[in-house]
N, C-alpha and C. Protein backbone atom coordinates (compact mmCIF):
# COMPACT_ATOMS: atom_id res chain seq x y z
N VAL A 1 179.28 64.84 -57.30
CA VAL A 1 180.20 63.73 -58.38
C VAL A 1 181.27 62.68 -57.79
N GLN A 2 181.62 61.87 -57.79
CA GLN A 2 182.05 60.59 -57.12
C GLN A 2 183.23 60.54 -57.15
N LYS A 3 184.22 60.90 -56.13
CA LYS A 3 185.63 61.17 -56.49
C LYS A 3 186.07 59.51 -56.53
N GLU A 4 187.26 60.21 -57.47
CA GLU A 4 187.91 59.00 -58.65
C GLU A 4 188.88 57.69 -57.07
N ARG A 5 188.65 56.72 -57.10
CA ARG A 5 189.10 56.45 -55.94
C ARG A 5 190.20 54.94 -56.62
N GLY A 6 190.65 54.35 -55.83
CA GLY A 6 191.89 53.52 -56.51
C GLY A 6 193.23 54.19 -56.55
N PRO A 7 193.83 53.23 -57.83
CA PRO A 7 195.83 53.97 -58.15
C PRO A 7 195.05 54.88 -58.90
N ARG A 8 194.00 55.71 -59.62
CA ARG A 8 194.30 56.65 -60.22
C ARG A 8 193.99 58.34 -59.43
N ALA A 9 193.59 57.84 -57.90
CA ALA A 9 193.28 59.06 -56.60
C ALA A 9 193.89 59.90 -56.73
N ASP A 10 193.97 60.72 -56.30
CA ASP A 10 194.94 61.87 -56.66
C ASP A 10 195.45 61.62 -54.94
N LYS A 11 196.99 61.01 -54.40
CA LYS A 11 197.63 60.67 -53.77
C LYS A 11 198.62 62.22 -52.59
N ARG A 12 198.18 62.73 -53.28
CA ARG A 12 198.97 63.76 -52.33
C ARG A 12 199.07 64.47 -51.16
N VAL A 13 199.62 64.82 -50.78
CA VAL A 13 199.41 65.23 -48.94
C VAL A 13 198.15 66.82 -49.18
N LYS A 14 196.95 66.88 -48.90
CA LYS A 14 196.46 68.26 -49.26
C LYS A 14 196.32 69.07 -47.65
N LEU A 15 197.05 69.83 -47.78
CA LEU A 15 197.25 70.47 -47.14
C LEU A 15 196.10 72.35 -46.70
N LEU A 16 195.86 72.38 -45.71
CA LEU A 16 194.47 73.51 -45.57
C LEU A 16 195.49 74.63 -46.13
N ILE A 17 193.99 75.76 -47.16
CA ILE A 17 194.40 76.31 -48.02
C ILE A 17 194.03 77.59 -47.99
N GLU A 18 192.69 78.46 -47.28
CA GLU A 18 192.61 79.28 -46.68
C GLU A 18 193.48 79.85 -46.39
N TYR A 19 194.38 80.25 -45.36
CA TYR A 19 194.71 80.30 -44.82
C TYR A 19 195.27 82.21 -45.26
N SER A 20 195.86 82.99 -43.72
CA SER A 20 196.97 83.66 -44.94
C SER A 20 198.14 83.49 -44.51
N ILE A 21 199.34 83.88 -44.61
CA ILE A 21 200.81 83.62 -45.05
C ILE A 21 201.24 83.03 -43.83
N SER A 22 200.92 83.57 -42.58
CA SER A 22 201.26 83.15 -41.42
C SER A 22 201.07 81.78 -41.12
N GLU A 23 199.50 81.83 -41.00
CA GLU A 23 198.83 80.70 -40.93
C GLU A 23 199.10 79.09 -41.72
N LYS A 24 199.59 79.55 -43.23
CA LYS A 24 199.64 78.56 -44.11
C LYS A 24 200.99 78.04 -43.47
N LYS A 25 202.56 79.22 -42.90
CA LYS A 25 203.19 78.82 -42.77
C LYS A 25 203.41 77.50 -41.29
N GLU A 26 202.28 78.29 -40.37
CA GLU A 26 202.27 77.60 -39.39
C GLU A 26 201.91 75.89 -39.46
N GLN A 27 200.96 75.91 -40.44
CA GLN A 27 199.90 74.68 -40.49
C GLN A 27 201.01 73.65 -41.30
N ILE A 28 202.36 73.80 -42.40
CA ILE A 28 202.68 73.54 -42.71
C ILE A 28 204.11 72.98 -41.72
N LEU A 29 204.42 73.81 -41.27
CA LEU A 29 204.98 73.74 -40.24
C LEU A 29 204.92 72.66 -38.69
N ILE A 30 203.29 72.94 -38.84
CA ILE A 30 202.97 71.31 -38.09
C ILE A 30 203.14 70.01 -39.06
N GLU A 31 202.17 69.79 -40.26
CA GLU A 31 202.87 68.91 -40.90
C GLU A 31 203.98 68.55 -40.66
N ALA A 32 204.82 69.43 -41.27
CA ALA A 32 206.87 68.38 -41.69
C ALA A 32 206.96 68.10 -40.10
N ILE A 33 206.68 69.01 -38.85
CA ILE A 33 206.93 68.47 -37.07
C ILE A 33 206.27 66.89 -37.29
N ARG A 34 205.05 66.90 -37.55
CA ARG A 34 204.35 66.43 -36.60
C ARG A 34 204.53 64.88 -37.75
N ARG A 35 205.22 64.60 -38.95
CA ARG A 35 205.31 63.55 -39.51
C ARG A 35 206.42 62.73 -39.30
N PRO A 36 208.01 63.05 -39.07
CA PRO A 36 208.98 62.57 -38.07
C PRO A 36 208.26 62.51 -36.59
N LEU A 37 207.63 62.84 -36.52
CA LEU A 37 207.16 62.62 -34.96
C LEU A 37 206.60 61.10 -34.98
N ASN A 38 206.27 61.05 -35.82
CA ASN A 38 204.98 60.00 -35.96
C ASN A 38 205.88 58.88 -36.50
N THR A 39 207.15 58.42 -36.92
CA THR A 39 207.47 57.09 -37.01
C THR A 39 208.47 56.72 -36.37
N ILE A 40 208.16 55.51 -36.75
CA ILE A 40 208.40 54.49 -36.15
C ILE A 40 210.21 54.22 -35.23
N LEU A 41 210.98 55.51 -35.94
CA LEU A 41 212.81 55.52 -35.76
C LEU A 41 212.07 56.41 -34.45
N MET A 42 211.64 57.65 -34.26
CA MET A 42 211.43 58.43 -33.15
C MET A 42 210.73 57.74 -31.98
N SER A 43 210.56 56.54 -32.32
CA SER A 43 209.62 55.68 -30.78
C SER A 43 210.47 55.42 -30.11
N PHE A 44 211.61 55.66 -30.34
CA PHE A 44 212.36 55.45 -29.05
C PHE A 44 213.13 56.17 -29.00
N ILE A 45 212.95 57.17 -29.04
CA ILE A 45 213.89 58.35 -28.31
C ILE A 45 212.70 59.22 -27.68
N SER A 46 213.38 60.12 -26.76
CA SER A 46 212.67 60.10 -25.59
C SER A 46 211.91 61.52 -25.81
N PRO A 47 211.20 62.32 -25.39
CA PRO A 47 210.24 63.47 -25.63
C PRO A 47 211.53 64.73 -25.75
N ALA A 48 212.23 64.06 -24.81
CA ALA A 48 213.83 65.55 -24.78
C ALA A 48 214.75 65.20 -26.00
N ASP A 49 214.40 64.15 -25.80
CA ASP A 49 216.06 64.22 -27.47
C ASP A 49 215.13 64.71 -28.35
N LYS A 50 213.90 63.83 -28.79
CA LYS A 50 212.71 64.08 -29.37
C LYS A 50 212.67 66.13 -29.76
N PHE A 51 212.88 66.90 -28.95
CA PHE A 51 212.70 68.62 -28.89
C PHE A 51 214.03 68.62 -29.36
N ILE A 52 214.97 68.18 -29.01
CA ILE A 52 216.69 68.68 -29.52
C ILE A 52 216.95 68.14 -30.49
N ILE A 53 216.01 66.92 -31.49
CA ILE A 53 216.75 66.87 -32.55
C ILE A 53 215.93 67.71 -34.08
N LEU A 54 214.29 67.95 -33.79
CA LEU A 54 213.49 68.94 -34.26
C LEU A 54 214.24 70.28 -34.16
N SER A 55 214.95 70.41 -33.13
CA SER A 55 214.72 72.19 -33.04
C SER A 55 215.33 72.11 -33.38
N ARG A 56 216.16 71.40 -33.87
CA ARG A 56 217.51 71.31 -34.90
C ARG A 56 217.67 70.96 -36.52
N TYR A 57 216.74 70.53 -36.55
CA TYR A 57 216.75 69.81 -38.00
C TYR A 57 214.84 70.10 -38.03
N TRP A 58 214.56 70.71 -38.28
CA TRP A 58 213.05 71.13 -38.47
C TRP A 58 213.19 72.04 -39.73
N PRO A 59 214.22 72.94 -40.26
CA PRO A 59 214.24 73.50 -41.37
C PRO A 59 214.15 72.16 -42.81
N ALA A 60 215.00 71.26 -42.41
CA ALA A 60 214.59 70.07 -43.46
C ALA A 60 213.44 69.59 -44.09
N PHE A 61 212.46 69.36 -42.77
CA PHE A 61 211.35 68.65 -42.71
C PHE A 61 210.40 69.66 -43.39
N PHE A 62 210.54 71.27 -43.15
CA PHE A 62 209.82 72.21 -43.80
C PHE A 62 210.00 72.19 -45.12
N ILE A 63 211.05 72.50 -45.48
CA ILE A 63 211.28 72.95 -47.25
C ILE A 63 210.59 71.10 -47.93
N LEU A 64 211.23 70.36 -46.84
CA LEU A 64 209.92 68.85 -47.59
C LEU A 64 208.84 69.31 -48.19
N HIS A 65 208.30 69.47 -47.26
CA HIS A 65 206.66 69.89 -46.57
C HIS A 65 206.27 70.57 -47.86
N CYS A 66 207.41 71.66 -47.79
CA CYS A 66 206.66 73.29 -48.72
C CYS A 66 206.93 72.91 -50.21
N THR A 67 208.42 71.89 -50.70
CA THR A 67 207.97 71.20 -51.83
C THR A 67 206.22 70.43 -52.39
N ILE A 68 205.81 69.58 -51.06
CA ILE A 68 204.83 68.98 -51.27
C ILE A 68 203.74 69.49 -51.14
N ALA A 69 203.63 70.32 -50.33
CA ALA A 69 202.18 70.91 -50.15
C ALA A 69 201.76 71.48 -51.45
N ILE A 70 199.99 71.71 -51.33
CA ILE A 70 199.03 71.84 -52.72
C ILE A 70 199.97 73.65 -53.10
N ASP A 71 199.15 74.34 -51.82
CA ASP A 71 199.60 75.95 -52.05
C ASP A 71 200.60 76.23 -50.35
N ILE A 72 201.18 76.94 -50.98
CA ILE A 72 202.49 77.21 -50.08
C ILE A 72 202.91 79.28 -49.99
N PRO A 73 202.62 79.43 -49.13
CA PRO A 73 202.84 80.61 -48.69
C PRO A 73 204.16 81.32 -49.12
N PRO A 74 204.73 82.86 -49.93
CA PRO A 74 206.17 82.72 -49.95
C PRO A 74 206.80 82.66 -48.86
N LEU A 75 208.26 82.87 -49.05
CA LEU A 75 209.15 82.56 -48.46
C LEU A 75 209.81 83.87 -48.15
N ARG A 76 210.39 84.55 -47.16
CA ARG A 76 210.81 85.77 -47.02
C ARG A 76 212.91 85.31 -47.82
N ASP A 77 213.17 84.14 -47.79
CA ASP A 77 214.59 83.96 -48.13
C ASP A 77 214.10 84.05 -49.83
N LEU A 78 214.84 84.51 -50.60
CA LEU A 78 213.73 84.18 -52.24
C LEU A 78 214.82 83.09 -52.65
N LYS A 79 216.09 83.26 -52.35
CA LYS A 79 216.41 81.37 -52.95
C LYS A 79 215.70 80.31 -52.32
N LEU A 80 215.73 80.35 -51.15
CA LEU A 80 214.89 79.72 -50.60
C LEU A 80 213.49 79.09 -51.77
N ASN A 81 212.86 80.02 -51.35
CA ASN A 81 211.94 80.16 -52.45
C ASN A 81 212.18 79.59 -53.65
N GLU A 82 212.86 79.85 -54.78
CA GLU A 82 213.50 79.68 -55.63
C GLU A 82 213.78 77.84 -56.09
N VAL A 83 214.59 77.58 -54.54
CA VAL A 83 214.97 76.10 -54.44
C VAL A 83 213.51 75.07 -54.23
N ILE A 84 212.39 75.80 -53.64
CA ILE A 84 211.27 74.98 -53.52
C ILE A 84 210.48 75.51 -54.87
N GLN A 85 210.44 75.70 -55.34
CA GLN A 85 209.74 76.19 -56.87
C GLN A 85 209.89 75.14 -57.64
N SER A 86 211.19 75.31 -58.06
CA SER A 86 212.27 74.78 -58.90
C SER A 86 211.92 72.57 -58.55
N ALA A 87 211.63 72.71 -57.07
CA ALA A 87 211.21 70.86 -56.50
C ALA A 87 209.61 70.88 -57.32
N ARG A 88 209.36 71.76 -56.98
CA ARG A 88 207.97 71.81 -57.07
C ARG A 88 207.34 71.89 -58.68
N GLN A 89 208.05 71.83 -59.75
CA GLN A 89 208.08 71.95 -61.10
C GLN A 89 208.47 70.30 -61.50
N ASP A 90 208.94 69.97 -60.70
CA ASP A 90 209.43 68.19 -60.76
C ASP A 90 208.52 67.23 -60.72
N ASP A 91 207.49 66.65 -62.08
CA ASP A 91 206.45 66.00 -60.93
C ASP A 91 206.88 64.65 -59.90
N TYR A 92 208.00 64.17 -60.13
CA TYR A 92 208.69 63.17 -59.58
C TYR A 92 208.92 63.41 -58.38
N ILE A 93 209.18 64.37 -58.11
CA ILE A 93 209.36 64.93 -56.49
C ILE A 93 208.07 66.35 -56.14
N SER A 94 207.42 67.23 -56.41
CA SER A 94 205.91 67.63 -56.20
C SER A 94 205.11 67.02 -55.45
N ASN A 95 204.82 65.77 -56.40
CA ASN A 95 203.71 64.85 -56.25
C ASN A 95 203.85 63.93 -55.43
N LEU A 96 204.36 63.54 -54.38
CA LEU A 96 204.95 62.51 -53.27
C LEU A 96 203.52 61.91 -52.76
N ASP A 97 203.14 60.64 -52.97
CA ASP A 97 202.26 59.68 -51.75
C ASP A 97 202.72 59.55 -50.67
N CYS A 98 201.93 59.18 -50.17
CA CYS A 98 201.93 59.52 -48.29
C CYS A 98 202.84 58.13 -48.05
N GLU A 99 202.91 57.28 -48.65
CA GLU A 99 203.75 56.95 -48.52
C GLU A 99 205.45 56.69 -48.38
N GLU A 100 206.03 57.28 -50.11
CA GLU A 100 206.92 58.27 -50.34
C GLU A 100 207.17 59.28 -49.52
N ILE A 101 206.28 60.02 -48.60
CA ILE A 101 206.40 61.10 -47.89
C ILE A 101 207.60 60.85 -46.37
N ARG A 102 206.27 58.92 -45.78
CA ARG A 102 206.91 58.43 -44.84
C ARG A 102 207.59 57.83 -45.25
N LEU A 103 208.31 57.38 -46.43
CA LEU A 103 209.55 56.55 -46.05
C LEU A 103 210.20 57.91 -46.20
N THR A 104 210.61 58.83 -46.91
CA THR A 104 211.65 59.91 -47.65
C THR A 104 212.01 60.33 -45.70
N VAL A 105 211.05 60.80 -45.04
CA VAL A 105 211.27 61.47 -43.32
C VAL A 105 211.53 60.64 -42.88
N CYS A 106 211.69 58.93 -42.58
CA CYS A 106 212.55 58.34 -42.08
C CYS A 106 213.95 58.36 -43.23
N TYR A 107 213.59 58.04 -44.06
CA TYR A 107 215.70 58.34 -44.67
C TYR A 107 215.81 59.43 -44.31
N ALA A 108 215.31 60.55 -44.11
CA ALA A 108 216.04 61.90 -43.72
C ALA A 108 216.78 61.62 -42.48
N LEU A 109 215.62 60.84 -41.85
CA LEU A 109 216.06 60.49 -40.17
C LEU A 109 217.64 59.79 -39.89
N CYS A 110 217.80 58.60 -40.68
CA CYS A 110 218.38 58.32 -40.97
C CYS A 110 220.19 58.72 -41.49
N LYS A 111 219.67 59.85 -42.18
CA LYS A 111 221.20 60.39 -42.70
C LYS A 111 221.36 61.71 -41.55
N LEU A 112 220.66 61.97 -40.35
CA LEU A 112 220.08 62.74 -39.70
C LEU A 112 221.08 62.23 -38.36
N GLY A 113 221.12 60.39 -38.11
CA GLY A 113 221.74 60.26 -37.20
C GLY A 113 223.00 60.31 -37.93
N ARG A 114 223.30 60.67 -38.98
CA ARG A 114 225.17 60.14 -38.88
C ARG A 114 225.93 61.42 -38.52
N LYS A 115 224.74 62.67 -38.23
CA LYS A 115 224.92 63.91 -37.24
C LYS A 115 224.88 63.50 -36.47
N ASN A 116 224.20 63.47 -35.50
CA ASN A 116 223.28 63.54 -34.16
C ASN A 116 223.53 62.06 -33.95
N GLY A 117 223.84 62.24 -32.20
CA GLY A 117 224.34 61.45 -31.48
C GLY A 117 222.79 60.30 -31.22
N LYS A 118 222.20 61.03 -30.57
CA LYS A 118 220.53 61.20 -30.82
C LYS A 118 219.61 59.49 -31.86
N LEU A 119 220.19 59.59 -33.18
CA LEU A 119 219.60 59.53 -33.91
C LEU A 119 220.83 58.21 -34.45
N SER A 120 221.79 57.85 -34.23
CA SER A 120 223.10 57.61 -34.42
C SER A 120 222.05 55.86 -34.70
N PHE A 121 221.51 55.18 -34.10
CA PHE A 121 221.63 53.70 -34.40
C PHE A 121 220.57 53.75 -35.66
N ALA A 122 220.35 54.50 -36.09
CA ALA A 122 219.25 54.74 -37.47
C ALA A 122 219.62 54.92 -38.31
N SER A 123 221.20 55.41 -38.55
CA SER A 123 222.20 56.07 -39.08
C SER A 123 222.75 54.47 -40.82
N SER A 124 222.01 53.48 -39.70
CA SER A 124 222.65 52.15 -40.26
C SER A 124 221.59 51.80 -41.47
N LEU A 125 220.36 52.48 -41.38
CA LEU A 125 218.86 51.78 -41.80
C LEU A 125 218.82 52.48 -42.95
N ASP A 126 218.85 54.39 -43.86
CA ASP A 126 219.47 54.60 -44.42
C ASP A 126 218.51 53.48 -45.85
N SER A 127 220.02 52.46 -46.33
CA SER A 127 219.67 51.55 -46.95
C SER A 127 218.17 50.85 -47.38
N ILE A 128 218.00 50.30 -45.91
CA ILE A 128 216.39 50.00 -45.63
C ILE A 128 215.51 50.95 -46.54
N TYR A 129 215.57 52.16 -46.25
CA TYR A 129 214.41 52.96 -46.38
C TYR A 129 214.93 53.45 -48.45
N ARG A 130 216.01 53.50 -48.43
CA ARG A 130 216.16 53.44 -50.31
C ARG A 130 215.41 52.28 -50.51
N TYR A 131 215.31 51.31 -49.84
CA TYR A 131 215.49 49.65 -51.14
C TYR A 131 213.85 49.88 -50.96
N TRP A 132 212.92 50.10 -49.51
CA TRP A 132 211.54 49.98 -50.19
C TRP A 132 210.97 51.52 -50.41
N LEU A 133 211.35 52.66 -50.64
CA LEU A 133 210.75 53.52 -51.31
C LEU A 133 211.39 53.58 -53.34
N SER A 134 212.51 52.31 -53.67
CA SER A 134 212.53 52.03 -54.71
C SER A 134 211.83 50.79 -55.29
N ARG A 135 211.44 49.95 -54.69
CA ARG A 135 210.19 49.42 -54.61
C ARG A 135 208.24 49.75 -55.06
N HIS A 136 208.54 50.65 -53.25
CA HIS A 136 207.36 51.34 -53.60
C HIS A 136 207.10 52.49 -55.11
N CYS A 137 208.41 52.89 -55.74
CA CYS A 137 207.68 53.76 -56.81
C CYS A 137 208.32 52.85 -57.72
N SER A 138 208.46 51.73 -57.62
CA SER A 138 208.69 50.78 -58.87
C SER A 138 207.67 50.08 -59.01
N ILE A 139 206.84 50.14 -57.93
CA ILE A 139 205.37 49.39 -58.15
C ILE A 139 204.29 50.46 -58.88
N PHE A 140 204.18 51.12 -58.30
CA PHE A 140 203.44 51.75 -58.05
C PHE A 140 203.31 53.13 -59.58
N TYR A 141 204.91 53.67 -59.77
CA TYR A 141 204.65 54.54 -60.56
C TYR A 141 205.67 53.80 -61.39
N PRO A 142 205.67 52.51 -62.08
CA PRO A 142 206.64 52.19 -62.90
C PRO A 142 207.00 53.07 -64.38
N HIS A 143 206.47 53.80 -64.82
CA HIS A 143 206.60 55.00 -65.88
C HIS A 143 207.43 55.66 -65.78
N LEU A 144 207.55 56.27 -64.24
CA LEU A 144 208.14 57.16 -63.78
C LEU A 144 209.75 56.96 -63.52
N LEU A 145 210.97 56.40 -64.50
CA LEU A 145 211.97 55.50 -63.99
C LEU A 145 213.08 56.48 -62.88
N ASN A 146 213.41 55.92 -62.30
CA ASN A 146 214.08 57.10 -61.52
C ASN A 146 214.02 57.77 -60.40
N ARG A 147 212.04 57.28 -59.93
CA ARG A 147 211.70 58.32 -59.90
C ARG A 147 212.72 58.20 -57.77
N ASP A 148 212.71 57.00 -57.01
CA ASP A 148 213.06 56.70 -56.15
C ASP A 148 214.38 57.54 -55.86
N GLU A 149 215.81 57.59 -57.02
CA GLU A 149 216.36 58.11 -56.93
C GLU A 149 216.02 60.03 -56.94
N ARG A 150 215.42 59.93 -57.31
CA ARG A 150 215.57 61.94 -57.62
C ARG A 150 215.34 62.34 -56.30
N ILE A 151 214.15 61.64 -55.39
CA ILE A 151 213.23 61.42 -54.34
C ILE A 151 214.94 62.10 -53.43
N VAL A 152 215.67 60.91 -53.15
CA VAL A 152 216.62 61.01 -52.34
C VAL A 152 217.62 61.62 -52.50
N ASN A 153 218.05 61.41 -53.84
CA ASN A 153 218.49 62.47 -54.46
C ASN A 153 217.81 64.17 -53.46
N TYR A 154 217.08 64.50 -53.82
CA TYR A 154 216.73 66.35 -53.62
C TYR A 154 216.34 66.15 -51.92
N THR A 155 215.98 65.03 -51.34
CA THR A 155 216.31 64.91 -49.58
C THR A 155 218.07 64.80 -49.23
N ASP A 156 219.22 64.01 -50.32
CA ASP A 156 220.14 64.85 -49.70
C ASP A 156 220.22 66.65 -49.48
N PHE A 157 220.03 66.52 -50.79
CA PHE A 157 220.05 67.76 -51.54
C PHE A 157 219.94 69.18 -49.80
N ILE A 158 218.75 68.42 -49.66
CA ILE A 158 217.60 69.05 -48.54
C ILE A 158 218.46 69.30 -47.22
N LEU A 159 218.71 68.17 -46.67
CA LEU A 159 219.63 67.88 -45.49
C LEU A 159 220.78 68.69 -45.72
N LEU A 160 221.60 68.99 -46.45
CA LEU A 160 223.10 69.76 -46.66
C LEU A 160 222.60 71.10 -46.89
N TYR A 161 221.19 71.90 -47.60
CA TYR A 161 221.10 73.02 -47.79
C TYR A 161 220.99 73.24 -46.46
N CYS A 162 219.86 72.61 -46.19
CA CYS A 162 219.63 73.50 -44.53
C CYS A 162 220.98 74.27 -43.31
N GLU A 163 221.72 73.40 -43.11
CA GLU A 163 223.30 73.40 -42.45
C GLU A 163 223.56 74.88 -43.44
N HIS A 164 223.36 75.48 -44.17
CA HIS A 164 223.92 76.61 -44.78
C HIS A 164 223.00 77.79 -44.52
N ILE A 165 221.59 77.41 -44.09
CA ILE A 165 220.67 78.31 -43.77
C ILE A 165 219.86 78.59 -42.13
N SER A 166 219.49 80.26 -42.50
CA SER A 166 218.54 80.03 -41.18
C SER A 166 217.01 81.00 -41.49
N MET A 167 216.08 79.59 -40.68
CA MET A 167 214.92 79.99 -41.77
C MET A 167 214.07 81.17 -40.14
N ILE A 168 214.86 81.31 -39.27
CA ILE A 168 213.97 81.19 -38.12
C ILE A 168 213.15 83.19 -38.00
N ASN A 169 213.67 84.00 -39.51
CA ASN A 169 212.69 84.93 -39.72
C ASN A 169 211.24 84.12 -40.54
N GLU A 170 210.89 83.60 -41.05
CA GLU A 170 210.01 82.95 -41.42
C GLU A 170 209.16 82.46 -40.28
N PHE A 171 208.98 83.08 -39.10
CA PHE A 171 208.15 82.81 -38.36
C PHE A 171 207.78 84.05 -37.37
N THR A 172 206.90 84.09 -36.87
CA THR A 172 206.83 84.68 -35.65
C THR A 172 207.34 84.51 -34.54
N PRO A 173 206.85 85.49 -33.68
CA PRO A 173 207.55 85.24 -32.11
C PRO A 173 206.07 83.96 -32.15
N SER A 174 204.62 83.69 -32.10
CA SER A 174 204.33 83.35 -31.66
C SER A 174 203.66 81.61 -32.01
N THR A 175 204.48 81.85 -33.80
CA THR A 175 204.53 80.84 -34.37
C THR A 175 205.98 79.83 -34.23
N HIS A 176 207.12 80.46 -33.28
CA HIS A 176 208.21 79.75 -33.73
C HIS A 176 208.20 78.30 -33.46
N PRO A 177 208.86 78.06 -34.15
CA PRO A 177 208.81 76.23 -34.26
C PRO A 177 209.21 75.88 -33.32
N VAL A 178 210.32 76.30 -32.23
CA VAL A 178 210.33 75.74 -31.11
C VAL A 178 209.19 75.74 -30.40
N ASP A 179 208.53 76.50 -29.93
CA ASP A 179 206.43 76.69 -29.52
C ASP A 179 206.08 75.79 -30.22
N VAL A 180 205.97 75.39 -31.17
CA VAL A 180 205.23 74.95 -31.99
C VAL A 180 205.92 73.18 -31.58
N ILE A 181 206.73 72.93 -31.63
CA ILE A 181 207.86 71.64 -31.27
C ILE A 181 207.12 71.04 -29.95
N ARG A 182 207.47 72.19 -29.24
CA ARG A 182 207.23 71.83 -27.24
C ARG A 182 205.65 71.73 -27.11
N THR A 183 204.91 72.37 -27.79
CA THR A 183 203.38 71.96 -28.45
C THR A 183 202.84 70.77 -28.54
N LEU A 184 203.89 70.04 -29.26
CA LEU A 184 203.34 68.64 -29.99
C LEU A 184 203.66 67.35 -28.98
N LEU A 185 205.26 68.04 -28.77
CA LEU A 185 205.49 67.06 -27.76
C LEU A 185 205.06 67.23 -26.48
N HIS A 186 204.00 68.14 -25.73
CA HIS A 186 203.65 68.43 -24.23
C HIS A 186 204.89 68.88 -23.67
N ILE A 187 205.66 69.74 -23.86
CA ILE A 187 206.50 70.00 -23.28
C ILE A 187 206.61 71.01 -22.51
N ASN A 188 206.63 71.52 -21.42
CA ASN A 188 206.46 73.02 -20.65
C ASN A 188 207.87 73.74 -21.22
N LYS A 189 207.89 74.94 -21.49
CA LYS A 189 208.40 75.62 -21.92
C LYS A 189 210.02 75.95 -20.69
N LEU A 190 209.75 75.50 -18.89
CA LEU A 190 210.90 75.45 -18.59
C LEU A 190 211.32 74.23 -18.38
N THR A 191 210.73 73.61 -19.10
CA THR A 191 211.57 71.69 -19.52
C THR A 191 212.84 71.86 -20.14
């Protein structure tokens, strides 16, 4: 059977499915960290500063990717599981295409620019990313009114929620987020 192409094709990000819980978490974490690293906004930042930013804010990107992943492992924090499952039931949020994910990650980085001096140059760009997200949603999802607003509101919620939680216990020492970030940035532990 031929795969469907064009606008009706499933545009969701497909993460690897058949892994143990820790491997699934690690795969989601790697993708969650890789996405912001691949944005134009991060290209203006040194590797050391990227490390500092992602070491502090990786939970927001991890939660976003858990929300859009096809198959997610259970998390230890029951409230966090509840938050993610609730968002996954919302078709406006759980079914993001690649461009929506890119724009959402850039929007999140812009919002984080208000809290982090290394990203302060991006803080004034959040309205631009909101505009492009709105435009994208109105063109590709005209039947889903306010889709862009729901995505932005959920992103704002995640950023605020991450200020009040710790997710360190979700990972084993071998898959600690800081080590994953170092690996993706090719930074030595001694650096």
